[in-house]
N, C-alpha and C. Protein backbone atom coordinates (compact mmCIF):
# COMPACT_ATOMS: atom_id res chain seq x y z
N UNK A 1 153.14 -69.97 -35.23
CA UNK A 1 152.51 -69.05 -34.29
C UNK A 1 153.04 -69.27 -32.87
N UNK A 2 153.26 -68.18 -32.15
CA UNK A 2 153.80 -68.29 -30.82
C UNK A 2 152.92 -67.44 -29.87
N UNK A 3 152.68 -67.94 -28.67
CA UNK A 3 151.84 -67.20 -27.71
C UNK A 3 152.70 -66.85 -26.47
N UNK A 4 152.76 -65.58 -26.11
CA UNK A 4 153.41 -65.12 -24.91
C UNK A 4 152.41 -64.62 -23.93
N UNK A 5 152.52 -65.04 -22.68
CA UNK A 5 151.74 -64.44 -21.55
C UNK A 5 152.70 -63.49 -20.82
N UNK A 6 152.40 -62.21 -20.81
CA UNK A 6 153.34 -61.25 -20.23
C UNK A 6 152.63 -60.37 -19.25
N UNK A 7 153.46 -59.68 -18.41
CA UNK A 7 152.95 -58.65 -17.54
C UNK A 7 153.92 -57.49 -17.57
N UNK A 8 153.36 -56.29 -17.30
CA UNK A 8 154.17 -55.11 -17.29
C UNK A 8 153.70 -54.22 -16.14
N UNK A 9 154.61 -53.52 -15.51
CA UNK A 9 154.33 -52.79 -14.30
C UNK A 9 154.88 -51.38 -14.33
N UNK A 10 154.15 -50.51 -13.62
CA UNK A 10 154.71 -49.17 -13.27
C UNK A 10 154.77 -49.14 -11.77
N UNK A 11 155.01 -48.01 -11.24
CA UNK A 11 155.09 -47.84 -9.74
C UNK A 11 153.74 -48.16 -9.13
N UNK A 12 152.65 -47.90 -9.84
CA UNK A 12 151.30 -48.00 -9.27
C UNK A 12 150.43 -49.05 -9.91
N UNK A 13 150.86 -49.55 -11.08
CA UNK A 13 149.96 -50.45 -11.84
C UNK A 13 150.74 -51.69 -12.34
N UNK A 14 149.99 -52.80 -12.39
CA UNK A 14 150.51 -54.02 -13.03
C UNK A 14 149.41 -54.58 -13.87
N UNK A 15 149.74 -54.93 -15.11
CA UNK A 15 148.73 -55.44 -16.04
C UNK A 15 149.29 -56.60 -16.84
N UNK A 16 148.46 -57.59 -17.11
CA UNK A 16 148.94 -58.75 -17.92
C UNK A 16 148.28 -58.71 -19.26
N UNK A 17 148.97 -59.36 -20.23
CA UNK A 17 148.42 -59.45 -21.59
C UNK A 17 148.87 -60.68 -22.28
N UNK A 18 148.09 -61.12 -23.27
CA UNK A 18 148.50 -62.26 -24.12
C UNK A 18 148.86 -61.74 -25.48
N UNK A 19 150.08 -62.14 -25.94
CA UNK A 19 150.55 -61.68 -27.25
C UNK A 19 150.66 -62.87 -28.13
N UNK A 20 149.77 -62.95 -29.13
CA UNK A 20 149.77 -64.08 -30.11
C UNK A 20 150.51 -63.62 -31.32
N UNK A 21 151.64 -64.21 -31.63
CA UNK A 21 152.50 -63.77 -32.69
C UNK A 21 152.43 -64.67 -33.96
N UNK A 22 152.20 -64.04 -35.09
CA UNK A 22 152.14 -64.73 -36.34
C UNK A 22 153.35 -64.36 -37.20
N UNK A 23 154.16 -63.43 -36.70
CA UNK A 23 155.32 -62.89 -37.44
C UNK A 23 154.92 -62.02 -38.61
N UNK A 24 153.70 -61.57 -38.63
CA UNK A 24 153.18 -60.71 -39.70
C UNK A 24 153.50 -59.22 -39.35
N UNK A 25 153.24 -58.30 -40.28
CA UNK A 25 153.56 -56.90 -40.11
C UNK A 25 152.48 -56.10 -39.43
N UNK A 26 151.30 -56.76 -39.15
CA UNK A 26 150.17 -56.03 -38.56
C UNK A 26 149.86 -56.59 -37.18
N UNK A 27 149.22 -55.71 -36.37
CA UNK A 27 148.86 -56.13 -34.99
C UNK A 27 147.47 -55.59 -34.63
N UNK A 28 146.74 -56.39 -33.87
CA UNK A 28 145.44 -55.94 -33.37
C UNK A 28 145.47 -55.97 -31.84
N UNK A 29 145.22 -54.79 -31.23
CA UNK A 29 145.12 -54.70 -29.76
C UNK A 29 143.62 -54.82 -29.43
N UNK A 30 143.29 -55.70 -28.45
CA UNK A 30 141.92 -55.98 -28.14
C UNK A 30 141.63 -55.54 -26.72
N UNK A 31 140.52 -54.81 -26.52
CA UNK A 31 140.09 -54.33 -25.21
C UNK A 31 138.71 -55.00 -24.94
N UNK A 32 138.65 -55.85 -23.99
CA UNK A 32 137.42 -56.62 -23.73
C UNK A 32 136.41 -55.80 -22.96
N UNK A 33 135.24 -56.41 -22.75
CA UNK A 33 134.21 -55.79 -21.89
C UNK A 33 134.51 -56.17 -20.45
N UNK A 34 133.69 -55.73 -19.50
CA UNK A 34 133.88 -56.08 -18.07
C UNK A 34 133.63 -57.58 -17.88
N UNK A 35 132.49 -58.10 -18.40
CA UNK A 35 132.18 -59.49 -18.27
C UNK A 35 132.34 -60.25 -19.57
N UNK A 36 132.54 -59.56 -20.60
CA UNK A 36 132.65 -60.16 -21.93
C UNK A 36 134.11 -60.28 -22.27
N UNK A 37 134.68 -61.47 -21.96
CA UNK A 37 136.08 -61.72 -22.09
C UNK A 37 136.47 -62.36 -23.42
N UNK A 38 137.74 -62.63 -23.62
CA UNK A 38 138.21 -63.09 -24.91
C UNK A 38 137.79 -64.53 -25.28
N UNK A 39 137.23 -65.22 -24.31
CA UNK A 39 136.76 -66.56 -24.60
C UNK A 39 135.30 -66.56 -25.11
N UNK A 40 134.64 -65.43 -24.96
CA UNK A 40 133.25 -65.32 -25.46
C UNK A 40 133.24 -65.30 -27.00
N UNK A 41 132.12 -65.69 -27.62
CA UNK A 41 132.08 -65.92 -29.09
C UNK A 41 132.61 -64.75 -29.90
N UNK A 42 132.14 -63.55 -29.67
CA UNK A 42 132.52 -62.46 -30.55
C UNK A 42 134.03 -62.21 -30.56
N UNK A 43 134.63 -62.06 -29.38
CA UNK A 43 136.02 -61.75 -29.28
C UNK A 43 136.89 -63.01 -29.65
N UNK A 44 136.41 -64.19 -29.39
CA UNK A 44 137.13 -65.40 -29.79
C UNK A 44 137.28 -65.46 -31.32
N UNK A 45 136.17 -65.23 -31.99
CA UNK A 45 136.19 -65.33 -33.45
C UNK A 45 136.84 -64.15 -34.13
N UNK A 46 136.77 -63.00 -33.53
CA UNK A 46 137.55 -61.86 -34.07
C UNK A 46 139.03 -62.17 -33.96
N UNK A 47 139.44 -62.79 -32.85
CA UNK A 47 140.84 -63.22 -32.72
C UNK A 47 141.24 -64.21 -33.82
N UNK A 48 140.36 -65.21 -33.99
CA UNK A 48 140.65 -66.21 -35.06
C UNK A 48 140.74 -65.56 -36.43
N UNK A 49 139.90 -64.56 -36.67
CA UNK A 49 139.91 -63.84 -37.98
C UNK A 49 141.24 -63.15 -38.20
N UNK A 50 141.72 -62.46 -37.12
CA UNK A 50 143.01 -61.82 -37.22
C UNK A 50 144.12 -62.77 -37.55
N UNK A 51 144.13 -63.90 -36.83
CA UNK A 51 145.19 -64.88 -37.03
C UNK A 51 145.12 -65.46 -38.46
N UNK A 52 143.94 -65.63 -38.99
CA UNK A 52 143.76 -66.12 -40.33
C UNK A 52 144.46 -65.20 -41.34
N UNK A 53 144.43 -63.90 -41.04
CA UNK A 53 145.03 -62.93 -41.97
C UNK A 53 146.50 -62.62 -41.58
N UNK A 54 147.08 -63.41 -40.68
CA UNK A 54 148.46 -63.19 -40.32
C UNK A 54 148.70 -61.95 -39.50
N UNK A 55 147.70 -61.56 -38.74
CA UNK A 55 147.78 -60.37 -37.88
C UNK A 55 148.03 -60.77 -36.44
N UNK A 56 149.08 -60.26 -35.85
CA UNK A 56 149.34 -60.50 -34.39
C UNK A 56 148.23 -59.98 -33.54
N UNK A 57 147.97 -60.58 -32.41
CA UNK A 57 146.88 -60.14 -31.54
C UNK A 57 147.44 -59.97 -30.10
N UNK A 58 147.06 -58.85 -29.50
CA UNK A 58 147.33 -58.61 -28.11
C UNK A 58 146.03 -58.44 -27.37
N UNK A 59 145.75 -59.37 -26.42
CA UNK A 59 144.58 -59.33 -25.60
C UNK A 59 144.95 -58.78 -24.24
N UNK A 60 144.44 -57.62 -23.91
CA UNK A 60 144.78 -56.99 -22.63
C UNK A 60 143.85 -57.43 -21.54
N UNK A 61 144.38 -57.94 -20.41
CA UNK A 61 143.59 -58.51 -19.33
C UNK A 61 143.52 -57.53 -18.17
N UNK A 62 142.43 -56.78 -18.16
CA UNK A 62 142.15 -55.91 -17.02
C UNK A 62 140.93 -56.40 -16.28
N UNK A 63 140.80 -55.93 -15.03
CA UNK A 63 139.68 -56.31 -14.20
C UNK A 63 139.28 -55.12 -13.40
N UNK A 64 138.04 -54.69 -13.49
CA UNK A 64 137.58 -53.51 -12.74
C UNK A 64 136.24 -53.87 -12.11
N UNK A 65 135.90 -53.21 -11.04
CA UNK A 65 134.65 -53.44 -10.37
C UNK A 65 133.55 -52.72 -11.16
N UNK A 66 132.27 -53.16 -10.95
CA UNK A 66 131.16 -52.58 -11.63
C UNK A 66 130.95 -51.09 -11.23
N UNK A 67 131.58 -50.78 -10.09
CA UNK A 67 131.47 -49.38 -9.60
C UNK A 67 132.11 -48.37 -10.56
N UNK A 68 133.07 -48.87 -11.37
CA UNK A 68 133.71 -47.98 -12.33
C UNK A 68 132.70 -47.41 -13.31
N UNK A 69 131.66 -48.14 -13.62
CA UNK A 69 130.68 -47.72 -14.58
C UNK A 69 129.85 -46.57 -14.08
N UNK A 70 129.89 -46.29 -12.78
CA UNK A 70 129.16 -45.14 -12.21
C UNK A 70 129.89 -43.79 -12.38
N UNK A 71 131.17 -43.94 -12.81
CA UNK A 71 131.99 -42.74 -12.98
C UNK A 71 131.75 -42.06 -14.32
N UNK A 72 132.27 -40.86 -14.55
CA UNK A 72 132.10 -40.20 -15.82
C UNK A 72 132.88 -40.94 -16.86
N UNK A 73 132.53 -40.69 -18.13
CA UNK A 73 133.20 -41.33 -19.26
C UNK A 73 134.68 -41.02 -19.26
N UNK A 74 135.06 -39.79 -19.01
CA UNK A 74 136.50 -39.45 -19.01
C UNK A 74 137.24 -40.06 -17.86
N UNK A 75 136.57 -40.22 -16.69
CA UNK A 75 137.21 -40.86 -15.56
C UNK A 75 137.45 -42.31 -15.86
N UNK A 76 136.52 -42.99 -16.51
CA UNK A 76 136.71 -44.41 -16.91
C UNK A 76 137.85 -44.49 -17.87
N UNK A 77 137.88 -43.63 -18.89
CA UNK A 77 138.97 -43.65 -19.86
C UNK A 77 140.31 -43.50 -19.22
N UNK A 78 140.37 -42.59 -18.24
CA UNK A 78 141.65 -42.31 -17.59
C UNK A 78 142.15 -43.51 -16.77
N UNK A 79 141.24 -44.11 -16.04
CA UNK A 79 141.55 -45.31 -15.21
C UNK A 79 142.07 -46.43 -16.14
N UNK A 80 141.35 -46.66 -17.20
CA UNK A 80 141.71 -47.79 -18.04
C UNK A 80 143.00 -47.53 -18.89
N UNK A 81 143.23 -46.29 -19.29
CA UNK A 81 144.41 -45.95 -20.04
C UNK A 81 145.68 -46.10 -19.27
N UNK A 82 145.63 -45.97 -17.97
CA UNK A 82 146.81 -46.17 -17.12
C UNK A 82 147.35 -47.60 -17.27
N UNK A 83 146.42 -48.53 -17.49
CA UNK A 83 146.78 -49.95 -17.69
C UNK A 83 147.12 -50.18 -19.15
N UNK A 84 146.24 -49.71 -20.06
CA UNK A 84 146.43 -49.95 -21.49
C UNK A 84 147.69 -49.34 -22.00
N UNK A 85 148.03 -48.19 -21.56
CA UNK A 85 149.28 -47.52 -22.01
C UNK A 85 150.51 -48.33 -21.72
N UNK A 86 150.52 -48.99 -20.60
CA UNK A 86 151.68 -49.82 -20.24
C UNK A 86 151.84 -50.94 -21.27
N UNK A 87 150.77 -51.53 -21.71
CA UNK A 87 150.86 -52.63 -22.69
C UNK A 87 151.27 -52.09 -24.04
N UNK A 88 150.63 -50.99 -24.48
CA UNK A 88 150.94 -50.40 -25.77
C UNK A 88 152.44 -50.05 -25.85
N UNK A 89 152.92 -49.44 -24.82
CA UNK A 89 154.37 -49.04 -24.85
C UNK A 89 155.26 -50.24 -24.84
N UNK A 90 154.91 -51.30 -24.06
CA UNK A 90 155.73 -52.46 -23.98
C UNK A 90 155.79 -53.21 -25.31
N UNK A 91 154.63 -53.35 -25.94
CA UNK A 91 154.60 -54.09 -27.22
C UNK A 91 155.24 -53.31 -28.31
N UNK A 92 154.89 -52.03 -28.51
CA UNK A 92 155.32 -51.26 -29.65
C UNK A 92 156.76 -50.88 -29.54
N UNK A 93 157.35 -50.85 -28.32
CA UNK A 93 158.70 -50.50 -28.17
C UNK A 93 159.66 -51.63 -28.58
N UNK A 94 159.11 -52.86 -28.64
CA UNK A 94 159.91 -54.01 -29.02
C UNK A 94 159.62 -54.56 -30.40
N UNK A 95 158.74 -53.89 -31.15
CA UNK A 95 158.32 -54.41 -32.41
C UNK A 95 158.19 -53.29 -33.38
N UNK A 96 158.23 -53.63 -34.74
CA UNK A 96 158.06 -52.62 -35.76
C UNK A 96 156.88 -52.99 -36.64
N UNK A 97 155.68 -52.83 -36.12
CA UNK A 97 154.51 -53.13 -36.88
C UNK A 97 154.15 -52.04 -37.88
N UNK A 98 153.72 -52.41 -39.08
CA UNK A 98 153.43 -51.46 -40.15
C UNK A 98 151.99 -50.88 -40.01
N UNK A 99 151.07 -51.70 -39.47
CA UNK A 99 149.69 -51.31 -39.34
C UNK A 99 149.13 -51.75 -38.02
N UNK A 100 148.29 -50.91 -37.43
CA UNK A 100 147.68 -51.21 -36.15
C UNK A 100 146.16 -51.20 -36.25
N UNK A 101 145.54 -52.21 -35.61
CA UNK A 101 144.10 -52.33 -35.54
C UNK A 101 143.75 -52.31 -34.02
N UNK A 102 142.68 -51.64 -33.70
CA UNK A 102 142.19 -51.65 -32.32
C UNK A 102 140.77 -52.18 -32.33
N UNK A 103 140.49 -53.16 -31.40
CA UNK A 103 139.13 -53.74 -31.31
C UNK A 103 138.70 -53.59 -29.89
N UNK A 104 137.61 -52.89 -29.67
CA UNK A 104 137.09 -52.72 -28.31
C UNK A 104 135.67 -53.22 -28.19
N UNK A 105 135.34 -53.88 -27.04
CA UNK A 105 134.01 -54.36 -26.81
C UNK A 105 133.44 -53.67 -25.53
N UNK A 106 132.26 -53.08 -25.71
CA UNK A 106 131.56 -52.44 -24.59
C UNK A 106 132.41 -51.39 -23.86
N UNK A 107 132.72 -51.61 -22.55
CA UNK A 107 133.55 -50.62 -21.82
C UNK A 107 134.88 -50.48 -22.48
N UNK A 108 135.35 -51.47 -23.18
CA UNK A 108 136.64 -51.38 -23.89
C UNK A 108 136.68 -50.33 -24.98
N UNK A 109 135.46 -49.88 -25.43
CA UNK A 109 135.43 -48.84 -26.39
C UNK A 109 135.65 -47.43 -25.82
N UNK A 110 135.49 -47.33 -24.53
CA UNK A 110 135.64 -46.00 -23.88
C UNK A 110 137.01 -45.42 -24.00
N UNK A 111 138.08 -46.16 -23.56
CA UNK A 111 139.41 -45.59 -23.75
C UNK A 111 139.77 -45.53 -25.23
N UNK A 112 139.23 -46.43 -26.03
CA UNK A 112 139.51 -46.39 -27.44
C UNK A 112 138.98 -45.14 -28.09
N UNK A 113 137.75 -44.76 -27.79
CA UNK A 113 137.16 -43.58 -28.40
C UNK A 113 137.68 -42.33 -27.79
N UNK A 114 137.80 -42.27 -26.41
CA UNK A 114 138.10 -41.03 -25.73
C UNK A 114 139.61 -40.71 -25.66
N UNK A 115 140.45 -41.73 -25.88
CA UNK A 115 141.87 -41.46 -25.77
C UNK A 115 142.65 -41.91 -27.07
N UNK A 116 142.54 -43.18 -27.39
CA UNK A 116 143.33 -43.68 -28.50
C UNK A 116 142.98 -43.04 -29.84
N UNK A 117 141.72 -42.90 -30.12
CA UNK A 117 141.28 -42.30 -31.41
C UNK A 117 141.64 -40.83 -31.52
N UNK A 118 141.87 -40.18 -30.38
CA UNK A 118 142.30 -38.77 -30.36
C UNK A 118 143.77 -38.58 -30.36
N UNK A 119 144.54 -39.66 -30.32
CA UNK A 119 145.98 -39.60 -30.25
C UNK A 119 146.56 -39.58 -31.69
N UNK A 120 147.31 -38.59 -32.05
CA UNK A 120 147.86 -38.40 -33.38
C UNK A 120 148.75 -39.64 -33.78
N UNK A 121 149.33 -40.29 -32.75
CA UNK A 121 150.17 -41.43 -33.05
C UNK A 121 149.38 -42.54 -33.73
N UNK A 122 148.08 -42.66 -33.49
CA UNK A 122 147.29 -43.73 -34.00
C UNK A 122 146.28 -43.25 -35.05
N UNK A 123 146.58 -42.16 -35.72
CA UNK A 123 145.62 -41.55 -36.64
C UNK A 123 145.31 -42.45 -37.80
N UNK A 124 146.21 -43.37 -38.18
CA UNK A 124 146.04 -44.26 -39.29
C UNK A 124 145.50 -45.62 -38.93
N UNK A 125 145.28 -45.87 -37.65
CA UNK A 125 144.81 -47.16 -37.16
C UNK A 125 143.39 -47.45 -37.59
N UNK A 126 143.09 -48.74 -37.76
CA UNK A 126 141.71 -49.17 -38.04
C UNK A 126 141.01 -49.40 -36.70
N UNK A 127 139.75 -48.93 -36.57
CA UNK A 127 139.02 -49.06 -35.35
C UNK A 127 137.84 -49.95 -35.46
N UNK A 128 137.73 -50.94 -34.62
CA UNK A 128 136.59 -51.87 -34.55
C UNK A 128 135.84 -51.59 -33.24
N UNK A 129 134.69 -51.01 -33.32
CA UNK A 129 133.92 -50.65 -32.11
C UNK A 129 132.74 -51.58 -31.98
N UNK A 130 132.88 -52.55 -31.12
CA UNK A 130 131.88 -53.58 -30.92
C UNK A 130 131.01 -53.22 -29.74
N UNK A 131 129.75 -52.93 -30.00
CA UNK A 131 128.74 -52.53 -29.03
C UNK A 131 129.25 -51.37 -28.14
N UNK A 132 129.64 -50.22 -28.74
CA UNK A 132 130.04 -49.08 -27.96
C UNK A 132 128.85 -48.53 -27.15
N UNK A 133 129.17 -47.79 -26.09
CA UNK A 133 128.15 -47.29 -25.16
C UNK A 133 127.62 -45.94 -25.68
N UNK A 134 126.80 -46.01 -26.77
CA UNK A 134 126.43 -44.80 -27.49
C UNK A 134 125.53 -43.88 -26.72
N UNK A 135 124.89 -44.38 -25.65
CA UNK A 135 124.03 -43.47 -24.87
C UNK A 135 124.83 -42.55 -23.93
N UNK A 136 126.09 -42.80 -23.86
CA UNK A 136 126.97 -41.87 -23.15
C UNK A 136 127.27 -40.65 -24.08
N UNK A 137 126.78 -39.49 -23.75
CA UNK A 137 126.88 -38.34 -24.63
C UNK A 137 128.31 -38.06 -25.10
N UNK A 138 129.23 -38.15 -24.14
CA UNK A 138 130.62 -37.84 -24.48
C UNK A 138 131.20 -38.72 -25.56
N UNK A 139 130.84 -40.00 -25.51
CA UNK A 139 131.30 -40.94 -26.52
C UNK A 139 130.70 -40.60 -27.86
N UNK A 140 129.42 -40.38 -27.87
CA UNK A 140 128.74 -40.10 -29.15
C UNK A 140 129.29 -38.83 -29.80
N UNK A 141 129.53 -37.80 -28.99
CA UNK A 141 130.09 -36.57 -29.50
C UNK A 141 131.48 -36.72 -30.06
N UNK A 142 132.27 -37.55 -29.37
CA UNK A 142 133.63 -37.87 -29.85
C UNK A 142 133.62 -38.58 -31.22
N UNK A 143 132.66 -39.48 -31.32
CA UNK A 143 132.54 -40.28 -32.54
C UNK A 143 132.09 -39.40 -33.71
N UNK A 144 131.34 -38.36 -33.46
CA UNK A 144 130.90 -37.45 -34.50
C UNK A 144 132.13 -36.78 -35.17
N UNK A 145 133.23 -36.68 -34.46
CA UNK A 145 134.43 -36.07 -34.98
C UNK A 145 135.42 -37.07 -35.53
N UNK A 146 135.03 -38.34 -35.57
CA UNK A 146 135.93 -39.40 -36.00
C UNK A 146 136.31 -39.31 -37.46
N UNK A 147 137.57 -39.59 -37.76
CA UNK A 147 138.01 -39.69 -39.15
C UNK A 147 138.69 -41.02 -39.43
N UNK A 148 138.67 -41.93 -38.50
CA UNK A 148 139.33 -43.22 -38.67
C UNK A 148 138.54 -44.15 -39.59
N UNK A 149 139.27 -45.07 -40.22
CA UNK A 149 138.70 -46.14 -40.95
C UNK A 149 138.25 -47.21 -39.96
N UNK A 150 137.10 -47.79 -40.12
CA UNK A 150 136.70 -48.81 -39.21
C UNK A 150 135.25 -49.28 -39.30
N UNK A 151 134.84 -49.98 -38.34
CA UNK A 151 133.48 -50.57 -38.28
C UNK A 151 132.90 -50.38 -36.87
N UNK A 152 131.61 -49.98 -36.79
CA UNK A 152 130.90 -49.83 -35.56
C UNK A 152 129.71 -50.82 -35.64
N UNK A 153 129.61 -51.70 -34.65
CA UNK A 153 128.55 -52.65 -34.65
C UNK A 153 127.78 -52.55 -33.35
N UNK A 154 126.44 -52.61 -33.47
CA UNK A 154 125.62 -52.58 -32.25
C UNK A 154 124.31 -53.26 -32.55
N UNK A 155 123.72 -53.86 -31.49
CA UNK A 155 122.40 -54.51 -31.67
C UNK A 155 121.30 -53.51 -31.46
N UNK A 156 120.22 -53.73 -32.15
CA UNK A 156 119.05 -52.81 -32.03
C UNK A 156 118.38 -52.94 -30.74
N UNK A 157 118.62 -54.05 -30.00
CA UNK A 157 118.00 -54.26 -28.66
C UNK A 157 119.06 -54.10 -27.55
N UNK A 158 120.19 -53.55 -27.92
CA UNK A 158 121.20 -53.24 -26.92
C UNK A 158 120.74 -52.00 -26.15
N UNK A 159 120.88 -52.03 -24.82
CA UNK A 159 120.42 -50.89 -24.01
C UNK A 159 121.30 -49.67 -24.24
N UNK A 160 122.40 -49.78 -24.92
CA UNK A 160 123.20 -48.68 -25.33
C UNK A 160 122.94 -48.14 -26.76
N UNK A 161 121.97 -48.73 -27.39
CA UNK A 161 121.64 -48.39 -28.78
C UNK A 161 120.90 -47.09 -28.82
N UNK A 162 121.15 -46.29 -29.86
CA UNK A 162 120.34 -45.10 -30.14
C UNK A 162 120.10 -45.07 -31.66
N UNK A 163 118.94 -44.64 -32.04
CA UNK A 163 118.59 -44.51 -33.49
C UNK A 163 119.45 -43.46 -34.17
N UNK A 164 120.12 -42.66 -33.41
CA UNK A 164 120.99 -41.63 -34.01
C UNK A 164 122.33 -42.21 -34.47
N UNK A 165 122.51 -43.51 -34.33
CA UNK A 165 123.78 -44.18 -34.65
C UNK A 165 124.17 -43.88 -36.10
N UNK A 166 123.21 -43.76 -36.99
CA UNK A 166 123.54 -43.61 -38.41
C UNK A 166 124.19 -42.24 -38.69
N UNK A 167 124.11 -41.35 -37.75
CA UNK A 167 124.81 -40.05 -37.90
C UNK A 167 126.34 -40.28 -37.89
N UNK A 168 126.75 -41.39 -37.41
CA UNK A 168 128.18 -41.65 -37.25
C UNK A 168 128.80 -42.26 -38.52
N UNK A 169 127.94 -42.65 -39.45
CA UNK A 169 128.44 -43.26 -40.67
C UNK A 169 129.18 -42.24 -41.52
N UNK A 170 130.38 -42.57 -41.95
CA UNK A 170 131.18 -41.70 -42.78
C UNK A 170 131.78 -42.51 -43.95
N UNK A 171 132.56 -41.87 -44.78
CA UNK A 171 133.19 -42.59 -45.86
C UNK A 171 134.17 -43.63 -45.38
N UNK A 172 134.65 -43.48 -44.18
CA UNK A 172 135.66 -44.40 -43.62
C UNK A 172 135.14 -45.25 -42.49
N UNK A 173 134.05 -44.86 -41.80
CA UNK A 173 133.51 -45.66 -40.73
C UNK A 173 132.18 -46.29 -41.12
N UNK A 174 132.13 -47.61 -41.21
CA UNK A 174 130.92 -48.34 -41.53
C UNK A 174 130.07 -48.56 -40.27
N UNK A 175 128.78 -48.60 -40.42
CA UNK A 175 127.89 -48.84 -39.32
C UNK A 175 127.05 -50.12 -39.61
N UNK A 176 127.04 -51.01 -38.68
CA UNK A 176 126.26 -52.24 -38.79
C UNK A 176 125.36 -52.38 -37.57
N UNK A 177 124.03 -52.28 -37.79
CA UNK A 177 123.08 -52.46 -36.72
C UNK A 177 122.44 -53.86 -36.92
N UNK A 178 122.57 -54.67 -35.86
CA UNK A 178 122.05 -56.06 -35.91
C UNK A 178 120.64 -56.10 -35.33
N UNK A 179 119.67 -56.36 -36.15
CA UNK A 179 118.28 -56.36 -35.67
C UNK A 179 118.06 -57.44 -34.61
N UNK A 180 117.32 -57.02 -33.57
CA UNK A 180 116.96 -57.99 -32.48
C UNK A 180 118.11 -58.47 -31.65
N UNK A 181 119.30 -57.95 -31.85
CA UNK A 181 120.47 -58.42 -31.08
C UNK A 181 120.67 -57.56 -29.84
N UNK A 182 121.13 -58.17 -28.74
CA UNK A 182 121.32 -57.52 -27.49
C UNK A 182 122.75 -57.04 -27.32
N UNK A 183 123.20 -56.73 -26.11
CA UNK A 183 124.53 -56.13 -25.88
C UNK A 183 125.64 -57.14 -26.16
N UNK A 184 125.31 -58.44 -26.14
CA UNK A 184 126.29 -59.49 -26.47
C UNK A 184 126.23 -59.85 -27.98
N UNK A 185 125.36 -59.11 -28.69
CA UNK A 185 125.07 -59.36 -30.10
C UNK A 185 124.46 -60.76 -30.26
N UNK A 186 123.70 -61.19 -29.21
CA UNK A 186 122.93 -62.40 -29.31
C UNK A 186 121.48 -62.08 -29.58
N UNK A 187 120.83 -62.92 -30.37
CA UNK A 187 119.40 -62.82 -30.59
C UNK A 187 118.76 -63.83 -29.65
N UNK A 188 118.10 -63.34 -28.66
CA UNK A 188 117.68 -64.20 -27.48
C UNK A 188 116.87 -65.37 -27.93
N UNK A 189 117.28 -66.55 -27.45
CA UNK A 189 116.58 -67.82 -27.66
C UNK A 189 116.57 -68.28 -29.13
N UNK A 190 117.42 -67.64 -29.96
CA UNK A 190 117.46 -67.97 -31.39
C UNK A 190 118.89 -68.19 -31.81
N UNK A 191 119.46 -69.37 -31.53
CA UNK A 191 120.89 -69.62 -31.81
C UNK A 191 121.25 -69.34 -33.29
N UNK A 192 120.43 -69.80 -34.19
CA UNK A 192 120.83 -69.62 -35.60
C UNK A 192 120.90 -68.16 -35.99
N UNK A 193 120.00 -67.33 -35.46
CA UNK A 193 120.09 -65.88 -35.72
C UNK A 193 121.25 -65.25 -35.05
N UNK A 194 121.64 -65.73 -33.90
CA UNK A 194 122.83 -65.25 -33.21
C UNK A 194 124.10 -65.58 -34.02
N UNK A 195 124.14 -66.73 -34.61
CA UNK A 195 125.27 -67.12 -35.45
C UNK A 195 125.34 -66.29 -36.76
N UNK A 196 124.19 -65.97 -37.27
CA UNK A 196 124.11 -65.07 -38.44
C UNK A 196 124.63 -63.66 -38.12
N UNK A 197 124.32 -63.23 -36.89
CA UNK A 197 124.78 -61.90 -36.44
C UNK A 197 126.30 -61.94 -36.35
N UNK A 198 126.84 -62.97 -35.79
CA UNK A 198 128.30 -63.08 -35.64
C UNK A 198 128.93 -63.14 -37.06
N UNK A 199 128.31 -63.85 -37.98
CA UNK A 199 128.87 -63.92 -39.37
C UNK A 199 128.84 -62.51 -39.99
N UNK A 200 127.78 -61.76 -39.77
CA UNK A 200 127.69 -60.41 -40.28
C UNK A 200 128.83 -59.54 -39.80
N UNK A 201 129.11 -59.65 -38.51
CA UNK A 201 130.21 -58.84 -37.91
C UNK A 201 131.55 -59.26 -38.54
N UNK A 202 131.81 -60.55 -38.62
CA UNK A 202 133.07 -61.05 -39.08
C UNK A 202 133.26 -60.68 -40.60
N UNK A 203 132.18 -60.73 -41.35
CA UNK A 203 132.28 -60.30 -42.77
C UNK A 203 132.59 -58.82 -42.88
N UNK A 204 131.97 -58.01 -42.03
CA UNK A 204 132.24 -56.60 -42.01
C UNK A 204 133.74 -56.27 -41.67
N UNK A 205 134.25 -57.00 -40.70
CA UNK A 205 135.65 -56.82 -40.29
C UNK A 205 136.58 -57.29 -41.43
N UNK A 206 136.23 -58.43 -42.03
CA UNK A 206 137.10 -58.94 -43.09
C UNK A 206 137.30 -58.01 -44.25
N UNK A 207 136.24 -57.26 -44.56
CA UNK A 207 136.32 -56.25 -45.65
C UNK A 207 137.33 -55.20 -45.37
N UNK A 208 137.60 -54.95 -44.08
CA UNK A 208 138.57 -53.92 -43.69
C UNK A 208 139.99 -54.43 -43.67
N UNK A 209 140.15 -55.76 -43.69
CA UNK A 209 141.49 -56.35 -43.53
C UNK A 209 142.12 -56.63 -44.88
């Protein structure tokens, strides 16, 4: 295994990313949350799971102010994709991966749902939507049209949860609602239940791999 810390720039943007290479034929691009970074339990163990299966991992390191969340869903997607596209182009232009997986957490699901999932180039990619912002109407409507294989996970006590989530279940997209879990998929003050929630998510992802 080899780890590269890289940066890529355009005339107006510069973004860094970590590329963990296993020399396998598959790759997983990860989009973190604003405060939920790759060192936090969910993304840390998703990374470990990918490496276990010989899947390369790219962790994209972006930083935005909380003010971004006040903008429209499409504005957020546009801002983030200016950075994300730089990484996608840099990585995929230098490698010949056979399969692509995308994993987004919280705000990281916005460009994934509004841009990446609508791009014909990634029509066969597997999508892991970890605590998507389902109360944003545009995101929910986009997901209703989804045809990707993948997994959507959200806690029943997440402030972005909606009971309509089961409308998004298809033959290719699995839905996992974690009872009593919050936006971090933690069950407050109950460590053992939080660990069980994490295990449920990892088992759901492993079935797709």
